[in-house]
ModelCIF file with pLDDT and N, C-alpha, C, O atoms, coordinates in Angstrom:
data_MODEL
#
_entry.id   MODEL 
#
_entity.id                         1 
_entity.type                       polymer 
_entity.pdbx_number_of_molecules   1 
#
_entity_poly.entity_id                      1 
_entity_poly.type                           'polypeptide(L)' 
_entity_poly.nstd_linkage                   no 
_entity_poly.nstd_monomer                   no 
_entity_poly.pdbx_seq_one_letter_code       EGDLEVGVIAYPYMSNFNELFALVKSNSSVKFVRDLGSLKRSDV 
_entity_poly.pdbx_seq_one_letter_code_can   EGDLEVGVIAYPYMSNFNELFALVKSNSSVKFVRDLGSLKRSDV 
_entity_poly.pdbx_strand_id                 A 
#
loop_
_entity_poly_seq.entity_id 
_entity_poly_seq.num 
_entity_poly_seq.mon_id 
_entity_poly_seq.hetero 
1 1  GLU n 
1 2  GLY n 
1 3  ASP n 
1 4  LEU n 
1 5  GLU n 
1 6  VAL n 
1 7  GLY n 
1 8  VAL n 
1 9  ILE n 
1 10 ALA n 
1 11 TYR n 
1 12 PRO n 
1 13 TYR n 
1 14 MET n 
1 15 SER n 
1 16 ASN n 
1 17 PHE n 
1 18 ASN n 
1 19 GLU n 
1 20 LEU n 
1 21 PHE n 
1 22 ALA n 
1 23 LEU n 
1 24 VAL n 
1 25 LYS n 
1 26 SER n 
1 27 ASN n 
1 28 SER n 
1 29 SER n 
1 30 VAL n 
1 31 LYS n 
1 32 PHE n 
1 33 VAL n 
1 34 ARG n 
1 35 ASP n 
1 36 LEU n 
1 37 GLY n 
1 38 SER n 
1 39 LEU n 
1 40 LYS n 
1 41 ARG n 
1 42 SER n 
1 43 ASP n 
1 44 VAL n 
#
_struct_asym.id          A 
_struct_asym.entity_id   1 
#
loop_
_ma_qa_metric.id 
_ma_qa_metric.mode 
_ma_qa_metric.name 
_ma_qa_metric.software_group_id 
_ma_qa_metric.type 
1 global pLDDT . pLDDT 
2 local  pLDDT . pLDDT 
#
_ma_qa_metric_global.metric_id      1 
_ma_qa_metric_global.metric_value   95.00 
_ma_qa_metric_global.model_id       1 
_ma_qa_metric_global.ordinal_id     1 
#
loop_
_ma_qa_metric_local.label_asym_id 
_ma_qa_metric_local.label_comp_id 
_ma_qa_metric_local.label_seq_id 
_ma_qa_metric_local.metric_id 
_ma_qa_metric_local.metric_value 
_ma_qa_metric_local.model_id 
_ma_qa_metric_local.ordinal_id 
A GLU 1  2 91.00 1 1  
A GLY 2  2 95.00 1 2  
A ASP 3  2 96.00 1 3  
A LEU 4  2 98.00 1 4  
A GLU 5  2 98.00 1 5  
A VAL 6  2 98.00 1 6  
A GLY 7  2 98.00 1 7  
A VAL 8  2 97.00 1 8  
A ILE 9  2 97.00 1 9  
A ALA 10 2 95.00 1 10 
A TYR 11 2 94.00 1 11 
A PRO 12 2 87.00 1 12 
A TYR 13 2 88.00 1 13 
A MET 14 2 94.00 1 14 
A SER 15 2 92.00 1 15 
A ASN 16 2 93.00 1 16 
A PHE 17 2 90.00 1 17 
A ASN 18 2 89.00 1 18 
A GLU 19 2 94.00 1 19 
A LEU 20 2 94.00 1 20 
A PHE 21 2 91.00 1 21 
A ALA 22 2 95.00 1 22 
A LEU 23 2 96.00 1 23 
A VAL 24 2 93.00 1 24 
A LYS 25 2 94.00 1 25 
A SER 26 2 97.00 1 26 
A ASN 27 2 98.00 1 27 
A SER 28 2 97.00 1 28 
A SER 29 2 97.00 1 29 
A VAL 30 2 96.00 1 30 
A LYS 31 2 96.00 1 31 
A PHE 32 2 95.00 1 32 
A VAL 33 2 95.00 1 33 
A ARG 34 2 95.00 1 34 
A ASP 35 2 95.00 1 35 
A LEU 36 2 96.00 1 36 
A GLY 37 2 96.00 1 37 
A SER 38 2 95.00 1 38 
A LEU 39 2 97.00 1 39 
A LYS 40 2 97.00 1 40 
A ARG 41 2 97.00 1 41 
A SER 42 2 98.00 1 42 
A ASP 43 2 98.00 1 43 
A VAL 44 2 98.00 1 44 
#
loop_
_atom_site.group_PDB 
_atom_site.id 
_atom_site.type_symbol 
_atom_site.label_atom_id 
_atom_site.label_alt_id 
_atom_site.label_comp_id 
_atom_site.label_asym_id 
_atom_site.label_entity_id 
_atom_site.label_seq_id 
_atom_site.pdbx_PDB_ins_code 
_atom_site.Cartn_x 
_atom_site.Cartn_y 
_atom_site.Cartn_z 
_atom_site.occupancy 
_atom_site.B_iso_or_equiv 
_atom_site.pdbx_formal_charge 
_atom_site.auth_seq_id 
_atom_site.auth_comp_id 
_atom_site.auth_asym_id 
_atom_site.auth_atom_id 
_atom_site.pdbx_PDB_model_num 
ATOM 1   N N  . GLU A 1 1  ? -139.224 -51.343 -195.112 1.00 91.00 ? 1  GLU A N  1 
ATOM 2   C CA . GLU A 1 1  ? -140.379 -51.302 -195.519 1.00 91.00 ? 1  GLU A CA 1 
ATOM 3   C C  . GLU A 1 1  ? -140.450 -50.732 -197.114 1.00 91.00 ? 1  GLU A C  1 
ATOM 4   O O  . GLU A 1 1  ? -141.392 -50.087 -197.574 1.00 91.00 ? 1  GLU A O  1 
ATOM 5   N N  . GLY A 1 2  ? -139.391 -51.073 -197.743 1.00 95.00 ? 2  GLY A N  1 
ATOM 6   C CA . GLY A 1 2  ? -139.056 -50.432 -199.016 1.00 95.00 ? 2  GLY A CA 1 
ATOM 7   C C  . GLY A 1 2  ? -139.496 -51.353 -200.353 1.00 95.00 ? 2  GLY A C  1 
ATOM 8   O O  . GLY A 1 2  ? -139.772 -52.551 -200.425 1.00 95.00 ? 2  GLY A O  1 
ATOM 9   N N  . ASP A 1 3  ? -139.458 -50.539 -201.152 1.00 96.00 ? 3  ASP A N  1 
ATOM 10  C CA . ASP A 1 3  ? -140.304 -51.589 -202.100 1.00 96.00 ? 3  ASP A CA 1 
ATOM 11  C C  . ASP A 1 3  ? -139.269 -52.584 -203.044 1.00 96.00 ? 3  ASP A C  1 
ATOM 12  O O  . ASP A 1 3  ? -139.604 -53.366 -203.934 1.00 96.00 ? 3  ASP A O  1 
ATOM 13  N N  . LEU A 1 4  ? -138.206 -52.347 -202.650 1.00 98.00 ? 4  LEU A N  1 
ATOM 14  C CA . LEU A 1 4  ? -136.812 -52.950 -203.348 1.00 98.00 ? 4  LEU A CA 1 
ATOM 15  C C  . LEU A 1 4  ? -136.488 -54.384 -202.562 1.00 98.00 ? 4  LEU A C  1 
ATOM 16  O O  . LEU A 1 4  ? -136.028 -54.408 -201.420 1.00 98.00 ? 4  LEU A O  1 
ATOM 17  N N  . GLU A 1 5  ? -136.758 -55.426 -203.244 1.00 98.00 ? 5  GLU A N  1 
ATOM 18  C CA . GLU A 1 5  ? -136.388 -56.899 -202.173 1.00 98.00 ? 5  GLU A CA 1 
ATOM 19  C C  . GLU A 1 5  ? -135.121 -57.070 -202.228 1.00 98.00 ? 5  GLU A C  1 
ATOM 20  O O  . GLU A 1 5  ? -134.438 -57.134 -203.250 1.00 98.00 ? 5  GLU A O  1 
ATOM 21  N N  . VAL A 1 6  ? -134.633 -57.182 -200.687 1.00 98.00 ? 6  VAL A N  1 
ATOM 22  C CA . VAL A 1 6  ? -132.740 -57.552 -200.470 1.00 98.00 ? 6  VAL A CA 1 
ATOM 23  C C  . VAL A 1 6  ? -132.625 -58.692 -199.972 1.00 98.00 ? 6  VAL A C  1 
ATOM 24  O O  . VAL A 1 6  ? -132.689 -58.679 -198.743 1.00 98.00 ? 6  VAL A O  1 
ATOM 25  N N  . GLY A 1 7  ? -132.441 -59.948 -200.559 1.00 98.00 ? 7  GLY A N  1 
ATOM 26  C CA . GLY A 1 7  ? -132.363 -61.151 -199.993 1.00 98.00 ? 7  GLY A CA 1 
ATOM 27  C C  . GLY A 1 7  ? -130.665 -60.887 -199.425 1.00 98.00 ? 7  GLY A C  1 
ATOM 28  O O  . GLY A 1 7  ? -129.883 -60.273 -200.150 1.00 98.00 ? 7  GLY A O  1 
ATOM 29  N N  . VAL A 1 8  ? -130.352 -61.279 -198.437 1.00 97.00 ? 8  VAL A N  1 
ATOM 30  C CA . VAL A 1 8  ? -129.197 -61.780 -197.558 1.00 97.00 ? 8  VAL A CA 1 
ATOM 31  C C  . VAL A 1 8  ? -128.869 -63.114 -197.631 1.00 97.00 ? 8  VAL A C  1 
ATOM 32  O O  . VAL A 1 8  ? -129.865 -63.827 -197.751 1.00 97.00 ? 8  VAL A O  1 
ATOM 33  N N  . ILE A 1 9  ? -128.079 -63.554 -197.608 1.00 97.00 ? 9  ILE A N  1 
ATOM 34  C CA . ILE A 1 9  ? -127.179 -65.211 -198.011 1.00 97.00 ? 9  ILE A CA 1 
ATOM 35  C C  . ILE A 1 9  ? -127.312 -65.374 -196.763 1.00 97.00 ? 9  ILE A C  1 
ATOM 36  O O  . ILE A 1 9  ? -126.423 -64.855 -196.087 1.00 97.00 ? 9  ILE A O  1 
ATOM 37  N N  . ALA A 1 10 ? -128.337 -66.065 -196.070 1.00 95.00 ? 10 ALA A N  1 
ATOM 38  C CA . ALA A 1 10 ? -127.688 -66.663 -194.313 1.00 95.00 ? 10 ALA A CA 1 
ATOM 39  C C  . ALA A 1 10 ? -126.938 -67.720 -194.583 1.00 95.00 ? 10 ALA A C  1 
ATOM 40  O O  . ALA A 1 10 ? -127.391 -68.836 -194.326 1.00 95.00 ? 10 ALA A O  1 
ATOM 41  N N  . TYR A 1 11 ? -125.706 -67.580 -195.128 1.00 94.00 ? 11 TYR A N  1 
ATOM 42  C CA . TYR A 1 11 ? -124.939 -69.311 -194.880 1.00 94.00 ? 11 TYR A CA 1 
ATOM 43  C C  . TYR A 1 11 ? -124.085 -69.289 -193.722 1.00 94.00 ? 11 TYR A C  1 
ATOM 44  O O  . TYR A 1 11 ? -123.493 -68.356 -193.179 1.00 94.00 ? 11 TYR A O  1 
ATOM 45  N N  . PRO A 1 12 ? -124.153 -70.615 -193.439 1.00 87.00 ? 12 PRO A N  1 
ATOM 46  C CA . PRO A 1 12 ? -123.273 -70.614 -192.231 1.00 87.00 ? 12 PRO A CA 1 
ATOM 47  C C  . PRO A 1 12 ? -121.731 -70.043 -191.979 1.00 87.00 ? 12 PRO A C  1 
ATOM 48  O O  . PRO A 1 12 ? -120.848 -70.233 -192.816 1.00 87.00 ? 12 PRO A O  1 
ATOM 49  N N  . TYR A 1 13 ? -121.513 -69.359 -190.799 1.00 88.00 ? 13 TYR A N  1 
ATOM 50  C CA . TYR A 1 13 ? -120.671 -68.444 -190.626 1.00 88.00 ? 13 TYR A CA 1 
ATOM 51  C C  . TYR A 1 13 ? -120.540 -67.303 -191.019 1.00 88.00 ? 13 TYR A C  1 
ATOM 52  O O  . TYR A 1 13 ? -119.498 -66.698 -191.271 1.00 88.00 ? 13 TYR A O  1 
ATOM 53  N N  . MET A 1 14 ? -121.774 -66.910 -191.099 1.00 94.00 ? 14 MET A N  1 
ATOM 54  C CA . MET A 1 14 ? -122.163 -65.460 -191.628 1.00 94.00 ? 14 MET A CA 1 
ATOM 55  C C  . MET A 1 14 ? -121.497 -64.392 -190.700 1.00 94.00 ? 14 MET A C  1 
ATOM 56  O O  . MET A 1 14 ? -121.611 -64.205 -189.488 1.00 94.00 ? 14 MET A O  1 
ATOM 57  N N  . SER A 1 15 ? -120.990 -63.950 -191.363 1.00 92.00 ? 15 SER A N  1 
ATOM 58  C CA . SER A 1 15 ? -120.403 -62.353 -190.151 1.00 92.00 ? 15 SER A CA 1 
ATOM 59  C C  . SER A 1 15 ? -120.789 -61.083 -190.533 1.00 92.00 ? 15 SER A C  1 
ATOM 60  O O  . SER A 1 15 ? -121.104 -60.655 -191.644 1.00 92.00 ? 15 SER A O  1 
ATOM 61  N N  . ASN A 1 16 ? -120.708 -60.446 -189.265 1.00 93.00 ? 16 ASN A N  1 
ATOM 62  C CA . ASN A 1 16 ? -120.380 -58.426 -189.663 1.00 93.00 ? 16 ASN A CA 1 
ATOM 63  C C  . ASN A 1 16 ? -121.556 -58.455 -190.036 1.00 93.00 ? 16 ASN A C  1 
ATOM 64  O O  . ASN A 1 16 ? -121.625 -57.576 -190.894 1.00 93.00 ? 16 ASN A O  1 
ATOM 65  N N  . PHE A 1 17 ? -123.092 -59.191 -189.862 1.00 90.00 ? 17 PHE A N  1 
ATOM 66  C CA . PHE A 1 17 ? -124.344 -58.863 -190.368 1.00 90.00 ? 17 PHE A CA 1 
ATOM 67  C C  . PHE A 1 17 ? -124.782 -57.655 -189.977 1.00 90.00 ? 17 PHE A C  1 
ATOM 68  O O  . PHE A 1 17 ? -125.618 -56.909 -190.487 1.00 90.00 ? 17 PHE A O  1 
ATOM 69  N N  . ASN A 1 18 ? -123.913 -57.513 -188.707 1.00 89.00 ? 18 ASN A N  1 
ATOM 70  C CA . ASN A 1 18 ? -124.607 -56.049 -188.464 1.00 89.00 ? 18 ASN A CA 1 
ATOM 71  C C  . ASN A 1 18 ? -124.535 -55.157 -189.033 1.00 89.00 ? 18 ASN A C  1 
ATOM 72  O O  . ASN A 1 18 ? -125.347 -54.390 -188.518 1.00 89.00 ? 18 ASN A O  1 
ATOM 73  N N  . GLU A 1 19 ? -123.870 -54.484 -190.163 1.00 94.00 ? 19 GLU A N  1 
ATOM 74  C CA . GLU A 1 19 ? -123.138 -53.574 -190.654 1.00 94.00 ? 19 GLU A CA 1 
ATOM 75  C C  . GLU A 1 19 ? -124.529 -53.464 -192.113 1.00 94.00 ? 19 GLU A C  1 
ATOM 76  O O  . GLU A 1 19 ? -124.615 -52.475 -192.841 1.00 94.00 ? 19 GLU A O  1 
ATOM 77  N N  . LEU A 1 20 ? -125.311 -54.507 -192.214 1.00 94.00 ? 20 LEU A N  1 
ATOM 78  C CA . LEU A 1 20 ? -126.384 -54.337 -192.906 1.00 94.00 ? 20 LEU A CA 1 
ATOM 79  C C  . LEU A 1 20 ? -127.584 -53.453 -192.575 1.00 94.00 ? 20 LEU A C  1 
ATOM 80  O O  . LEU A 1 20 ? -128.545 -53.387 -193.341 1.00 94.00 ? 20 LEU A O  1 
ATOM 81  N N  . PHE A 1 21 ? -127.512 -52.686 -191.279 1.00 91.00 ? 21 PHE A N  1 
ATOM 82  C CA . PHE A 1 21 ? -128.884 -51.884 -190.670 1.00 91.00 ? 21 PHE A CA 1 
ATOM 83  C C  . PHE A 1 21 ? -128.403 -51.173 -191.083 1.00 91.00 ? 21 PHE A C  1 
ATOM 84  O O  . PHE A 1 21 ? -128.547 -50.272 -190.257 1.00 91.00 ? 21 PHE A O  1 
ATOM 85  N N  . ALA A 1 22 ? -127.404 -50.494 -192.444 1.00 95.00 ? 22 ALA A N  1 
ATOM 86  C CA . ALA A 1 22 ? -127.423 -49.398 -192.890 1.00 95.00 ? 22 ALA A CA 1 
ATOM 87  C C  . ALA A 1 22 ? -128.378 -49.446 -193.613 1.00 95.00 ? 22 ALA A C  1 
ATOM 88  O O  . ALA A 1 22 ? -128.647 -48.252 -193.750 1.00 95.00 ? 22 ALA A O  1 
ATOM 89  N N  . LEU A 1 23 ? -129.468 -50.293 -194.482 1.00 96.00 ? 23 LEU A N  1 
ATOM 90  C CA . LEU A 1 23 ? -130.911 -50.233 -195.267 1.00 96.00 ? 23 LEU A CA 1 
ATOM 91  C C  . LEU A 1 23 ? -131.776 -50.361 -194.333 1.00 96.00 ? 23 LEU A C  1 
ATOM 92  O O  . LEU A 1 23 ? -132.860 -50.943 -194.363 1.00 96.00 ? 23 LEU A O  1 
ATOM 93  N N  . VAL A 1 24 ? -131.214 -49.740 -193.406 1.00 93.00 ? 24 VAL A N  1 
ATOM 94  C CA . VAL A 1 24 ? -132.988 -49.979 -192.430 1.00 93.00 ? 24 VAL A CA 1 
ATOM 95  C C  . VAL A 1 24 ? -133.516 -48.379 -192.575 1.00 93.00 ? 24 VAL A C  1 
ATOM 96  O O  . VAL A 1 24 ? -134.717 -48.126 -192.478 1.00 93.00 ? 24 VAL A O  1 
ATOM 97  N N  . LYS A 1 25 ? -132.493 -47.303 -192.821 1.00 94.00 ? 25 LYS A N  1 
ATOM 98  C CA . LYS A 1 25 ? -132.918 -46.489 -193.533 1.00 94.00 ? 25 LYS A CA 1 
ATOM 99  C C  . LYS A 1 25 ? -133.033 -46.288 -195.082 1.00 94.00 ? 25 LYS A C  1 
ATOM 100 O O  . LYS A 1 25 ? -132.381 -45.310 -195.449 1.00 94.00 ? 25 LYS A O  1 
ATOM 101 N N  . SER A 1 26 ? -133.623 -46.883 -195.997 1.00 97.00 ? 26 SER A N  1 
ATOM 102 C CA . SER A 1 26 ? -133.152 -47.053 -197.210 1.00 97.00 ? 26 SER A CA 1 
ATOM 103 C C  . SER A 1 26 ? -134.847 -47.337 -198.052 1.00 97.00 ? 26 SER A C  1 
ATOM 104 O O  . SER A 1 26 ? -135.979 -47.135 -197.613 1.00 97.00 ? 26 SER A O  1 
ATOM 105 N N  . ASN A 1 27 ? -134.350 -47.905 -199.472 1.00 98.00 ? 27 ASN A N  1 
ATOM 106 C CA . ASN A 1 27 ? -135.764 -48.005 -200.491 1.00 98.00 ? 27 ASN A CA 1 
ATOM 107 C C  . ASN A 1 27 ? -135.707 -49.658 -200.076 1.00 98.00 ? 27 ASN A C  1 
ATOM 108 O O  . ASN A 1 27 ? -136.328 -50.459 -200.775 1.00 98.00 ? 27 ASN A O  1 
ATOM 109 N N  . SER A 1 28 ? -135.199 -49.958 -199.311 1.00 97.00 ? 28 SER A N  1 
ATOM 110 C CA . SER A 1 28 ? -134.934 -51.328 -199.531 1.00 97.00 ? 28 SER A CA 1 
ATOM 111 C C  . SER A 1 28 ? -136.085 -52.617 -198.004 1.00 97.00 ? 28 SER A C  1 
ATOM 112 O O  . SER A 1 28 ? -136.340 -52.351 -196.830 1.00 97.00 ? 28 SER A O  1 
ATOM 113 N N  . SER A 1 29 ? -136.292 -53.347 -198.486 1.00 97.00 ? 29 SER A N  1 
ATOM 114 C CA . SER A 1 29 ? -136.822 -54.675 -197.657 1.00 97.00 ? 29 SER A CA 1 
ATOM 115 C C  . SER A 1 29 ? -135.877 -55.812 -197.340 1.00 97.00 ? 29 SER A C  1 
ATOM 116 O O  . SER A 1 29 ? -135.454 -56.407 -198.331 1.00 97.00 ? 29 SER A O  1 
ATOM 117 N N  . VAL A 1 30 ? -135.577 -56.117 -196.488 1.00 96.00 ? 30 VAL A N  1 
ATOM 118 C CA . VAL A 1 30 ? -134.074 -56.971 -195.924 1.00 96.00 ? 30 VAL A CA 1 
ATOM 119 C C  . VAL A 1 30 ? -134.725 -58.510 -195.252 1.00 96.00 ? 30 VAL A C  1 
ATOM 120 O O  . VAL A 1 30 ? -135.199 -58.654 -194.125 1.00 96.00 ? 30 VAL A O  1 
ATOM 121 N N  . LYS A 1 31 ? -134.592 -59.436 -196.196 1.00 96.00 ? 31 LYS A N  1 
ATOM 122 C CA . LYS A 1 31 ? -134.730 -60.684 -195.624 1.00 96.00 ? 31 LYS A CA 1 
ATOM 123 C C  . LYS A 1 31 ? -133.526 -61.294 -195.869 1.00 96.00 ? 31 LYS A C  1 
ATOM 124 O O  . LYS A 1 31 ? -132.843 -61.066 -196.867 1.00 96.00 ? 31 LYS A O  1 
ATOM 125 N N  . PHE A 1 32 ? -133.109 -62.418 -194.587 1.00 95.00 ? 32 PHE A N  1 
ATOM 126 C CA . PHE A 1 32 ? -132.303 -63.233 -194.535 1.00 95.00 ? 32 PHE A CA 1 
ATOM 127 C C  . PHE A 1 32 ? -132.984 -64.556 -194.917 1.00 95.00 ? 32 PHE A C  1 
ATOM 128 O O  . PHE A 1 32 ? -134.079 -65.037 -194.627 1.00 95.00 ? 32 PHE A O  1 
ATOM 129 N N  . VAL A 1 33 ? -131.725 -65.073 -195.838 1.00 95.00 ? 33 VAL A N  1 
ATOM 130 C CA . VAL A 1 33 ? -132.631 -65.897 -197.106 1.00 95.00 ? 33 VAL A CA 1 
ATOM 131 C C  . VAL A 1 33 ? -132.061 -67.278 -196.955 1.00 95.00 ? 33 VAL A C  1 
ATOM 132 O O  . VAL A 1 33 ? -130.870 -67.352 -197.259 1.00 95.00 ? 33 VAL A O  1 
ATOM 133 N N  . ARG A 1 34 ? -132.485 -68.100 -196.660 1.00 95.00 ? 34 ARG A N  1 
ATOM 134 C CA . ARG A 1 34 ? -131.962 -69.509 -196.576 1.00 95.00 ? 34 ARG A CA 1 
ATOM 135 C C  . ARG A 1 34 ? -132.470 -70.634 -197.364 1.00 95.00 ? 34 ARG A C  1 
ATOM 136 O O  . ARG A 1 34 ? -132.057 -71.780 -197.186 1.00 95.00 ? 34 ARG A O  1 
ATOM 137 N N  . ASP A 1 35 ? -133.436 -70.301 -198.308 1.00 95.00 ? 35 ASP A N  1 
ATOM 138 C CA . ASP A 1 35 ? -134.268 -70.999 -199.519 1.00 95.00 ? 35 ASP A CA 1 
ATOM 139 C C  . ASP A 1 35 ? -134.437 -70.681 -200.711 1.00 95.00 ? 35 ASP A C  1 
ATOM 140 O O  . ASP A 1 35 ? -134.410 -69.519 -201.117 1.00 95.00 ? 35 ASP A O  1 
ATOM 141 N N  . LEU A 1 36 ? -134.600 -71.528 -201.299 1.00 96.00 ? 36 LEU A N  1 
ATOM 142 C CA . LEU A 1 36 ? -134.732 -70.799 -203.320 1.00 96.00 ? 36 LEU A CA 1 
ATOM 143 C C  . LEU A 1 36 ? -135.348 -69.981 -203.120 1.00 96.00 ? 36 LEU A C  1 
ATOM 144 O O  . LEU A 1 36 ? -134.903 -68.836 -203.208 1.00 96.00 ? 36 LEU A O  1 
ATOM 145 N N  . GLY A 1 37 ? -136.592 -70.230 -202.778 1.00 96.00 ? 37 GLY A N  1 
ATOM 146 C CA . GLY A 1 37 ? -137.689 -69.418 -202.883 1.00 96.00 ? 37 GLY A CA 1 
ATOM 147 C C  . GLY A 1 37 ? -137.903 -67.985 -202.770 1.00 96.00 ? 37 GLY A C  1 
ATOM 148 O O  . GLY A 1 37 ? -138.630 -67.229 -203.415 1.00 96.00 ? 37 GLY A O  1 
ATOM 149 N N  . SER A 1 38 ? -136.973 -67.754 -201.645 1.00 95.00 ? 38 SER A N  1 
ATOM 150 C CA . SER A 1 38 ? -137.137 -66.193 -201.183 1.00 95.00 ? 38 SER A CA 1 
ATOM 151 C C  . SER A 1 38 ? -136.113 -65.650 -201.939 1.00 95.00 ? 38 SER A C  1 
ATOM 152 O O  . SER A 1 38 ? -136.221 -64.457 -202.222 1.00 95.00 ? 38 SER A O  1 
ATOM 153 N N  . LEU A 1 39 ? -134.823 -66.460 -202.457 1.00 97.00 ? 39 LEU A N  1 
ATOM 154 C CA . LEU A 1 39 ? -133.908 -66.234 -202.977 1.00 97.00 ? 39 LEU A CA 1 
ATOM 155 C C  . LEU A 1 39 ? -134.570 -66.017 -204.417 1.00 97.00 ? 39 LEU A C  1 
ATOM 156 O O  . LEU A 1 39 ? -134.344 -64.920 -204.929 1.00 97.00 ? 39 LEU A O  1 
ATOM 157 N N  . LYS A 1 40 ? -135.047 -66.565 -204.852 1.00 97.00 ? 40 LYS A N  1 
ATOM 158 C CA . LYS A 1 40 ? -135.548 -65.854 -206.542 1.00 97.00 ? 40 LYS A CA 1 
ATOM 159 C C  . LYS A 1 40 ? -136.463 -64.765 -206.175 1.00 97.00 ? 40 LYS A C  1 
ATOM 160 O O  . LYS A 1 40 ? -135.972 -63.737 -206.642 1.00 97.00 ? 40 LYS A O  1 
ATOM 161 N N  . ARG A 1 41 ? -137.477 -64.519 -205.609 1.00 97.00 ? 41 ARG A N  1 
ATOM 162 C CA . ARG A 1 41 ? -137.946 -63.351 -205.228 1.00 97.00 ? 41 ARG A CA 1 
ATOM 163 C C  . ARG A 1 41 ? -137.262 -61.726 -204.992 1.00 97.00 ? 41 ARG A C  1 
ATOM 164 O O  . ARG A 1 41 ? -137.659 -60.562 -204.960 1.00 97.00 ? 41 ARG A O  1 
ATOM 165 N N  . SER A 1 42 ? -136.078 -62.438 -204.865 1.00 98.00 ? 42 SER A N  1 
ATOM 166 C CA . SER A 1 42 ? -135.213 -60.920 -204.335 1.00 98.00 ? 42 SER A CA 1 
ATOM 167 C C  . SER A 1 42 ? -134.701 -60.088 -205.390 1.00 98.00 ? 42 SER A C  1 
ATOM 168 O O  . SER A 1 42 ? -133.928 -60.557 -206.226 1.00 98.00 ? 42 SER A O  1 
ATOM 169 N N  . ASP A 1 43 ? -135.037 -59.006 -205.412 1.00 98.00 ? 43 ASP A N  1 
ATOM 170 C CA . ASP A 1 43 ? -134.507 -57.994 -206.475 1.00 98.00 ? 43 ASP A CA 1 
ATOM 171 C C  . ASP A 1 43 ? -132.874 -57.984 -206.424 1.00 98.00 ? 43 ASP A C  1 
ATOM 172 O O  . ASP A 1 43 ? -132.216 -58.186 -207.444 1.00 98.00 ? 43 ASP A O  1 
ATOM 173 N N  . VAL A 1 44 ? -132.294 -57.741 -205.191 1.00 98.00 ? 44 VAL A N  1 
ATOM 174 C CA . VAL A 1 44 ? -130.578 -57.702 -205.000 1.00 98.00 ? 44 VAL A CA 1 
ATOM 175 C C  . VAL A 1 44 ? -130.319 -58.583 -204.361 1.00 98.00 ? 44 VAL A C  1 
ATOM 176 O O  . VAL A 1 44 ? -129.145 -58.803 -204.060 1.00 98.00 ? 44 VAL A O  1 
#
């Protein structure tokens, strides 16, 4: 629920994405990105 928009590129054969749950307790909001619009809205 943080203000920093983090976009994770969800390409085929994406692996070990569970490690990104370190960001649950952060200033971030995390989305798994599969389209250009979502990517453009990402800060990181």
